Amino acid sequence: MLPVDENATTAARIANSIAERIINGTLLPDAPLRQDHVAREFNSSHVPVREAFRQLEAKHLVVSLPRRGVRVAPLDTNSVKEIAEMRAALELVALRNAAPKLTSAHLAQIEIALNEADNAKTIQDFETANRAFHHALVAPCAMPRLLASLDGLQLANSRLVLATARSAGWRPRSNQDHRMILEALRARNLDQACNLLARHIQTVERLAHPPS
């Protein structure tokens, strides 16, 4: 059995925590992130903090600037279309590879995420469940590089959606697109599921334009 890399585990925990704060708006664009403050908060050395910053930079959630250090990345309104087109291409590839491997347990996990989104009382809870739904759809594809790329795109998309919701307001709603995708997968109608997913991503693109 390979030894557990404690620094890597701590770095992932730090990166995930900071990512959620950036996505939900607790950490605003251009907010500074200091290694010593983060290390103190998580009771860690600077080594996993630096690794966490690298992971966040790879997901375009932070930027490292000369003489200004690591800061929360700006919201890029021009990236909405790029994110949607990349998701449409990559998520469909992942779904086509995942669908033949979907078991009843996988479908149940997808439905749990769907129900959590439907029952969400806040936009933050909705987006967390939304990301879980999209991840559960494609997780069985067993393509780790593709899944990592999709997770990064989902984080970027969530950040834009949450920024828009804070400006325009949000009300609890049922996601019929998600339910129809799940029903198509249960019926083993992959083409329909892919068509519904592509249409859904295009709809999300129209909703994800952050305020100026």
Protein backbone atom coordinates (compact mmCIF):
# COMPACT_ATOMS: atom_id res chain seq x y z
CA MET A 1 0.00 0.00 0.00
CA LEU A 2 1.39 3.40 -0.99
CA PRO A 3 1.92 5.92 1.83
CA VAL A 4 -0.60 8.74 2.10
CA ASP A 5 0.85 12.12 1.14
CA GLU A 6 -0.44 14.27 4.01
CA ASN A 7 0.62 17.49 2.30
CA ALA A 8 -1.39 16.56 -0.80
CA THR A 9 -4.45 15.71 1.32
CA THR A 10 -4.17 18.97 3.26
CA ALA A 11 -3.65 20.94 0.04
CA ALA A 12 -6.83 19.48 -1.45
CA ARG A 13 -8.78 20.34 1.70
CA ILE A 14 -7.48 23.92 1.66
CA ALA A 15 -8.11 24.30 -2.09
CA ASN A 16 -11.67 22.99 -1.79
CA SER A 17 -12.49 25.31 1.09
CA ILE A 18 -11.11 28.40 -0.63
CA ALA A 19 -12.76 27.43 -3.92
CA GLU A 20 -16.18 27.33 -2.25
CA ARG A 21 -15.61 30.76 -0.72
CA ILE A 22 -14.65 32.19 -4.10
CA ILE A 23 -17.61 30.57 -5.84
CA ASN A 24 -20.20 31.70 -3.28
CA GLY A 25 -18.84 35.25 -3.18
CA THR A 26 -17.42 35.21 0.35
CA LEU A 27 -14.05 35.96 -1.24
CA LEU A 28 -14.52 38.74 -3.80
CA PRO A 29 -12.53 39.30 -7.00
CA ASP A 30 -9.04 40.71 -6.35
CA ALA A 31 -9.14 39.76 -2.66
CA PRO A 32 -5.61 38.91 -1.47
CA LEU A 33 -4.74 35.41 -0.26
CA ARG A 34 -1.71 35.35 2.03
CA GLN A 35 0.14 32.12 2.64
CA ASP A 36 0.74 32.84 6.32
CA HIS A 37 -2.92 33.65 7.00
CA VAL A 38 -4.15 30.54 5.19
CA ALA A 39 -1.55 28.32 6.86
CA ARG A 40 -2.60 29.65 10.27
CA GLU A 41 -6.30 29.10 9.55
CA PHE A 42 -5.78 25.50 8.50
CA ASN A 43 -3.04 24.79 11.04
CA SER A 44 -0.65 23.71 8.31
CA SER A 45 2.79 24.50 6.95
CA HIS A 46 3.27 26.68 3.90
CA VAL A 47 3.95 23.67 1.65
CA PRO A 48 0.32 22.48 1.26
CA VAL A 49 -0.85 26.11 1.04
CA ARG A 50 1.40 26.72 -1.95
CA GLU A 51 0.11 23.51 -3.55
CA ALA A 52 -3.49 24.59 -2.85
CA PHE A 53 -2.80 27.91 -4.56
CA ARG A 54 -1.40 26.06 -7.58
CA GLN A 55 -4.54 23.92 -7.77
CA LEU A 56 -6.77 26.99 -7.57
CA GLU A 57 -4.74 28.79 -10.22
CA ALA A 58 -5.08 25.78 -12.53
CA LYS A 59 -8.86 26.13 -12.14
CA HIS A 60 -8.64 29.88 -12.90
CA LEU A 61 -10.02 30.79 -9.47
CA VAL A 62 -6.91 32.69 -8.35
CA VAL A 63 -4.10 34.53 -10.10
CA SER A 64 -0.50 35.03 -9.03
CA LEU A 65 0.68 38.55 -9.79
CA PRO A 66 4.19 40.04 -9.53
CA ARG A 67 4.52 42.22 -6.40
CA ARG A 68 0.81 41.67 -5.59
CA GLY A 69 0.92 38.00 -4.64
CA VAL A 70 -1.96 35.53 -4.98
CA ARG A 71 -5.39 37.10 -5.40
CA VAL A 72 -8.90 35.96 -6.25
CA ALA A 73 -9.29 35.96 -10.03
CA PRO A 74 -11.60 38.54 -11.60
CA LEU A 75 -14.98 37.49 -12.95
CA ASP A 76 -14.47 37.14 -16.68
CA THR A 77 -17.72 37.95 -18.49
CA ASN A 78 -16.10 36.99 -21.80
CA SER A 79 -15.58 33.41 -20.61
CA VAL A 80 -19.30 32.51 -20.44
CA LYS A 81 -19.50 31.34 -24.04
CA GLU A 82 -16.14 29.56 -23.85
CA ILE A 83 -17.16 27.66 -20.70
CA ALA A 84 -20.50 26.64 -22.23
CA GLU A 85 -18.93 25.42 -25.47
CA MET A 86 -16.23 23.47 -23.65
CA ARG A 87 -18.80 21.90 -21.35
CA ALA A 88 -21.06 21.00 -24.26
CA ALA A 89 -18.20 19.22 -26.01
CA LEU A 90 -16.53 17.53 -23.04
CA GLU A 91 -19.61 16.64 -20.98
CA LEU A 92 -21.21 14.90 -23.97
CA VAL A 93 -18.05 12.84 -24.52
CA ALA A 94 -18.06 11.92 -20.85
CA LEU A 95 -21.77 11.04 -20.86
CA ARG A 96 -21.45 8.82 -23.93
CA ASN A 97 -18.64 6.92 -22.19
CA ALA A 98 -20.41 6.84 -18.83
CA ALA A 99 -23.89 5.79 -19.99
CA PRO A 100 -23.10 2.12 -20.77
CA LYS A 101 -21.62 1.77 -17.26
CA LEU A 102 -24.51 3.38 -15.36
CA THR A 103 -25.94 1.01 -12.76
CA SER A 104 -29.07 1.35 -10.67
CA ALA A 105 -26.83 2.67 -7.88
CA HIS A 106 -25.44 5.36 -10.18
CA LEU A 107 -28.94 6.36 -11.27
CA ALA A 108 -30.02 6.55 -7.64
CA GLN A 109 -27.09 8.87 -6.89
CA ILE A 110 -28.07 11.09 -9.81
CA GLU A 111 -31.64 11.25 -8.48
CA ILE A 112 -30.43 12.17 -4.98
CA ALA A 113 -28.55 15.15 -6.41
CA LEU A 114 -31.58 16.08 -8.51
CA ASN A 115 -33.88 16.01 -5.48
CA GLU A 116 -31.41 18.04 -3.42
CA ALA A 117 -31.41 20.70 -6.14
CA ASP A 118 -35.21 20.69 -6.29
CA ASN A 119 -35.42 21.11 -2.49
CA ALA A 120 -32.72 23.77 -2.24
CA LYS A 121 -33.75 26.91 -0.36
CA THR A 122 -30.73 29.00 -1.35
CA ILE A 123 -28.86 29.50 -4.60
CA GLN A 124 -25.69 28.24 -2.88
CA ASP A 125 -27.37 24.94 -1.97
CA PHE A 126 -28.85 24.70 -5.45
CA GLU A 127 -25.48 25.16 -7.14
CA THR A 128 -23.80 22.62 -4.86
CA ALA A 129 -26.48 20.07 -5.78
CA ASN A 130 -26.27 21.11 -9.42
CA ARG A 131 -22.55 20.37 -9.52
CA ALA A 132 -23.18 17.04 -7.79
CA PHE A 133 -25.79 16.15 -10.41
CA HIS A 134 -23.51 16.89 -13.35
CA HIS A 135 -20.62 15.04 -11.73
CA ALA A 136 -22.78 11.99 -11.00
CA LEU A 137 -23.95 11.92 -14.62
CA VAL A 138 -20.47 11.36 -15.98
CA ALA A 139 -18.46 9.86 -13.08
CA PRO A 140 -18.67 6.27 -14.42
CA CYS A 141 -16.84 7.27 -17.62
CA ALA A 142 -13.58 6.46 -15.76
CA MET A 143 -11.66 9.19 -17.60
CA PRO A 144 -9.92 11.12 -14.79
CA ARG A 145 -8.36 13.85 -16.93
CA LEU A 146 -11.69 14.57 -18.58
CA LEU A 147 -13.50 14.59 -15.23
CA ALA A 148 -10.93 16.98 -13.75
CA SER A 149 -11.45 19.36 -16.67
CA LEU A 150 -15.21 19.17 -16.26
CA ASP A 151 -15.00 19.80 -12.53
CA GLY A 152 -13.01 22.97 -13.21
CA LEU A 153 -15.53 24.14 -15.80
CA GLN A 154 -18.39 23.46 -13.40
CA LEU A 155 -16.70 25.56 -10.71
CA ALA A 156 -16.23 28.43 -13.14
CA ASN A 157 -19.83 28.14 -14.29
CA SER A 158 -21.12 28.10 -10.69
CA ARG A 159 -19.19 31.25 -9.89
CA LEU A 160 -20.81 33.09 -12.80
CA VAL A 161 -24.29 31.76 -11.98
CA LEU A 162 -23.99 32.77 -8.32
CA ALA A 163 -22.78 36.25 -9.24
CA THR A 164 -25.78 36.66 -11.53
CA ALA A 165 -28.20 35.36 -8.89
CA ARG A 166 -26.91 37.78 -6.26
CA SER A 167 -27.68 40.65 -8.65
CA ALA A 168 -30.95 39.44 -10.17
CA GLY A 169 -32.38 37.48 -7.26
CA TRP A 170 -33.20 33.77 -7.13
CA ARG A 171 -36.26 31.74 -6.28
CA PRO A 172 -36.44 27.99 -5.55
CA ARG A 173 -37.35 26.08 -8.69
CA SER A 174 -37.53 22.59 -10.09
CA ASN A 175 -35.03 21.68 -12.80
CA GLN A 176 -37.06 19.91 -15.45
CA ASP A 177 -34.05 19.60 -17.77
CA HIS A 178 -32.24 17.49 -15.19
CA ARG A 179 -35.27 15.29 -14.62
CA MET A 180 -35.71 14.65 -18.34
CA ILE A 181 -32.02 13.76 -18.70
CA LEU A 182 -32.36 11.25 -15.88
CA GLU A 183 -35.50 9.70 -17.40
CA ALA A 184 -33.77 9.37 -20.78
CA LEU A 185 -30.86 7.56 -19.13
CA ARG A 186 -33.23 5.25 -17.28
CA ALA A 187 -34.85 4.44 -20.62
CA ARG A 188 -31.37 3.78 -22.07
CA ASN A 189 -32.01 6.47 -24.69
CA LEU A 190 -28.51 7.90 -24.85
CA ASP A 191 -29.09 10.09 -27.91
CA GLN A 192 -32.03 11.81 -26.24
CA ALA A 193 -30.07 12.27 -23.01
CA CYS A 194 -27.19 13.87 -24.94
CA ASN A 195 -29.53 16.17 -26.87
CA LEU A 196 -31.22 17.26 -23.63
CA LEU A 197 -27.88 17.86 -21.95
CA ALA A 198 -26.59 19.96 -24.85
CA ARG A 199 -29.77 22.06 -24.82
CA HIS A 200 -29.54 22.44 -21.05
CA ILE A 201 -25.96 23.74 -21.20
CA GLN A 202 -26.98 26.28 -23.87
CA THR A 203 -29.81 27.47 -21.61
CA VAL A 204 -27.43 27.83 -18.67
CA GLU A 205 -25.12 29.94 -20.84
CA ARG A 206 -27.90 32.49 -21.31
CA LEU A 207 -28.45 32.64 -17.53
CA ALA A 208 -24.81 32.86 -16.52
CA HIS A 209 -23.93 36.39 -17.62
CA PRO A 210 -22.74 38.18 -14.51
CA PRO A 211 -23.66 41.82 -13.85
CA SER A 212 -21.42 44.51 -15.29
